[in-house]
Amino acid sequence: QVQLVESGGGLVQAGGSLRLSCAASGRTFRTYTMGWFRQAPGKEREFVAAINWSGSNTNVADSVKGRFTISRDNAKNTLSLQMNSLKPEDTAVYYCAGSTLRLIASEISKPGNYGYWGQGTQVTVSS
């Protein structure tokens, strides 16, 4: 099992940047597919980005493509999300998620395929 703790959220002006981190406990982190999701008030949880166990393959939602970058450091048990050119519509609670499954592209964006979740970190982008 793995426990996940996000950090790095905050308030930023439109056009600014933030870097989210997710610290994972447990020796099995390096075998997990990892993802970032977000949820704005009154909306469903939305896929943002995911990365396979080795870091060799990433998937990014169209809404953030070219602005957000997901990465991982298995030696440090850390998942990161670099967010640039932030927009007010990026405002949400961001969640780190882990899956024991080797997910294919059509599966990687579905929250139900992730069994481990952090508590979330708030990102607010002002206009």
Protein backbone atom coordinates (compact mmCIF):
# COMPACT_ATOMS: atom_id res chain seq x y z
CA GLN A 1 0.00 0.00 0.00
CA VAL A 2 0.99 3.61 -0.38
CA GLN A 3 -0.03 6.80 1.38
CA LEU A 4 -0.05 10.04 -0.57
CA VAL A 5 0.36 13.62 0.67
CA GLU A 6 0.12 16.60 -1.68
CA SER A 7 1.72 20.00 -1.19
CA GLY A 8 2.50 23.13 -3.17
CA GLY A 9 -0.95 24.55 -3.76
CA GLY A 10 -1.77 28.20 -3.23
CA LEU A 11 -3.03 31.43 -4.73
CA VAL A 12 -1.43 32.67 -7.93
CA GLN A 13 -2.28 35.25 -10.57
CA ALA A 14 -3.25 34.22 -14.07
CA GLY A 15 -0.15 33.51 -16.13
CA GLY A 16 1.80 32.42 -13.10
CA SER A 17 3.25 29.05 -12.15
CA LEU A 18 2.99 26.53 -9.34
CA ARG A 19 4.65 23.20 -8.71
CA LEU A 20 2.66 20.54 -6.89
CA SER A 21 4.35 17.68 -5.13
CA CYS A 22 3.04 14.37 -3.88
CA ALA A 23 5.05 12.50 -1.29
CA ALA A 24 4.43 8.78 -1.18
CA SER A 25 5.16 6.33 1.59
CA GLY A 26 5.95 2.69 1.03
CA ARG A 27 8.38 0.75 -1.06
CA THR A 28 5.88 -0.04 -3.80
CA PHE A 29 5.53 3.53 -5.11
CA ARG A 30 7.92 2.81 -7.92
CA THR A 31 5.57 0.15 -9.30
CA TYR A 32 2.47 2.36 -9.34
CA THR A 33 0.87 4.23 -12.18
CA MET A 34 0.45 7.77 -10.81
CA GLY A 35 -1.91 10.54 -11.75
CA TRP A 36 -3.12 14.02 -10.98
CA PHE A 37 -6.81 14.85 -10.94
CA ARG A 38 -8.66 18.03 -10.02
CA GLN A 39 -12.10 18.95 -8.83
CA ALA A 40 -13.69 22.36 -8.96
CA PRO A 41 -16.75 23.23 -6.86
CA GLY A 42 -19.90 21.69 -8.30
CA LYS A 43 -17.98 19.71 -10.91
CA GLU A 44 -16.88 16.11 -11.28
CA ARG A 45 -13.32 15.04 -10.65
CA GLU A 46 -11.32 15.64 -13.80
CA PHE A 47 -8.22 13.94 -15.15
CA VAL A 48 -5.17 16.19 -15.45
CA ALA A 49 -2.14 14.00 -16.13
CA ALA A 50 -0.69 10.55 -15.50
CA ILE A 51 2.65 8.80 -15.68
CA ASN A 52 3.59 5.15 -15.88
CA TRP A 53 5.70 3.36 -13.29
CA SER A 54 9.04 4.13 -14.88
CA GLY A 55 8.29 7.67 -16.00
CA SER A 56 8.81 6.75 -19.64
CA ASN A 57 5.21 7.44 -20.66
CA THR A 58 2.97 10.35 -19.77
CA ASN A 59 -0.57 11.37 -20.63
CA VAL A 60 -1.86 14.92 -20.27
CA ALA A 61 -5.40 16.25 -20.65
CA ASP A 62 -6.01 18.44 -23.66
CA SER A 63 -7.08 21.29 -21.40
CA VAL A 64 -3.60 21.55 -19.87
CA LYS A 65 -1.41 20.22 -22.68
CA GLY A 66 1.60 22.43 -23.27
CA ARG A 67 1.19 24.10 -19.86
CA PHE A 68 1.41 21.27 -17.32
CA THR A 69 4.14 18.64 -16.98
CA ILE A 70 3.99 15.52 -14.83
CA SER A 71 7.12 13.82 -13.55
CA ARG A 72 8.22 11.37 -10.88
CA ASP A 73 11.32 10.52 -8.91
CA ASN A 74 11.13 6.92 -7.78
CA ALA A 75 14.30 7.24 -5.72
CA LYS A 76 12.60 9.95 -3.65
CA ASN A 77 9.07 8.53 -3.79
CA THR A 78 7.83 11.80 -5.24
CA LEU A 79 5.35 12.77 -7.93
CA SER A 80 5.31 16.31 -9.29
CA LEU A 81 3.10 18.51 -11.44
CA GLN A 82 4.65 21.65 -12.91
CA MET A 83 1.91 24.09 -13.84
CA ASN A 84 2.73 27.06 -16.05
CA SER A 85 0.61 29.73 -17.70
CA LEU A 86 -2.13 29.15 -15.17
CA LYS A 87 -5.66 30.25 -15.97
CA PRO A 88 -8.62 31.01 -13.67
CA GLU A 89 -10.29 27.86 -14.98
CA ASP A 90 -7.45 25.81 -13.47
CA THR A 91 -8.80 26.69 -10.03
CA ALA A 92 -9.62 23.46 -8.21
CA VAL A 93 -8.54 21.04 -5.54
CA TYR A 94 -5.76 18.91 -7.02
CA TYR A 95 -5.42 15.28 -6.01
CA CYS A 96 -2.55 12.87 -6.36
CA ALA A 97 -3.63 9.31 -7.15
CA GLY A 98 -1.96 5.93 -7.41
CA SER A 99 -2.91 2.73 -9.18
CA THR A 100 -1.45 -0.76 -8.96
CA LEU A 101 -2.71 -1.41 -12.48
CA ARG A 102 -0.70 -1.02 -15.68
CA LEU A 103 -3.26 1.20 -17.36
CA ILE A 104 -3.60 1.67 -21.07
CA ALA A 105 -4.37 5.05 -22.59
CA SER A 106 -8.13 4.61 -22.55
CA GLU A 107 -8.08 3.69 -18.86
CA ILE A 108 -5.57 6.10 -17.43
CA SER A 109 -7.95 9.06 -17.19
CA LYS A 110 -10.65 7.26 -15.19
CA PRO A 111 -10.63 7.98 -11.43
CA GLY A 112 -12.15 4.56 -10.69
CA ASN A 113 -8.92 2.89 -11.82
CA TYR A 114 -6.96 4.50 -9.00
CA GLY A 115 -7.15 2.95 -5.56
CA TYR A 116 -5.03 5.40 -3.60
CA TRP A 117 -5.69 9.11 -3.15
CA GLY A 118 -4.19 12.01 -1.30
CA GLN A 119 -6.20 14.57 0.65
CA GLY A 120 -5.87 17.24 -2.04
CA THR A 121 -4.30 20.67 -2.26
CA GLN A 122 -6.13 23.85 -3.26
CA VAL A 123 -4.99 25.80 -6.30
CA THR A 124 -6.61 29.18 -6.86
CA VAL A 125 -5.84 31.28 -9.93
CA SER A 126 -7.00 34.87 -9.84
CA SER A 127 -7.77 36.87 -12.98
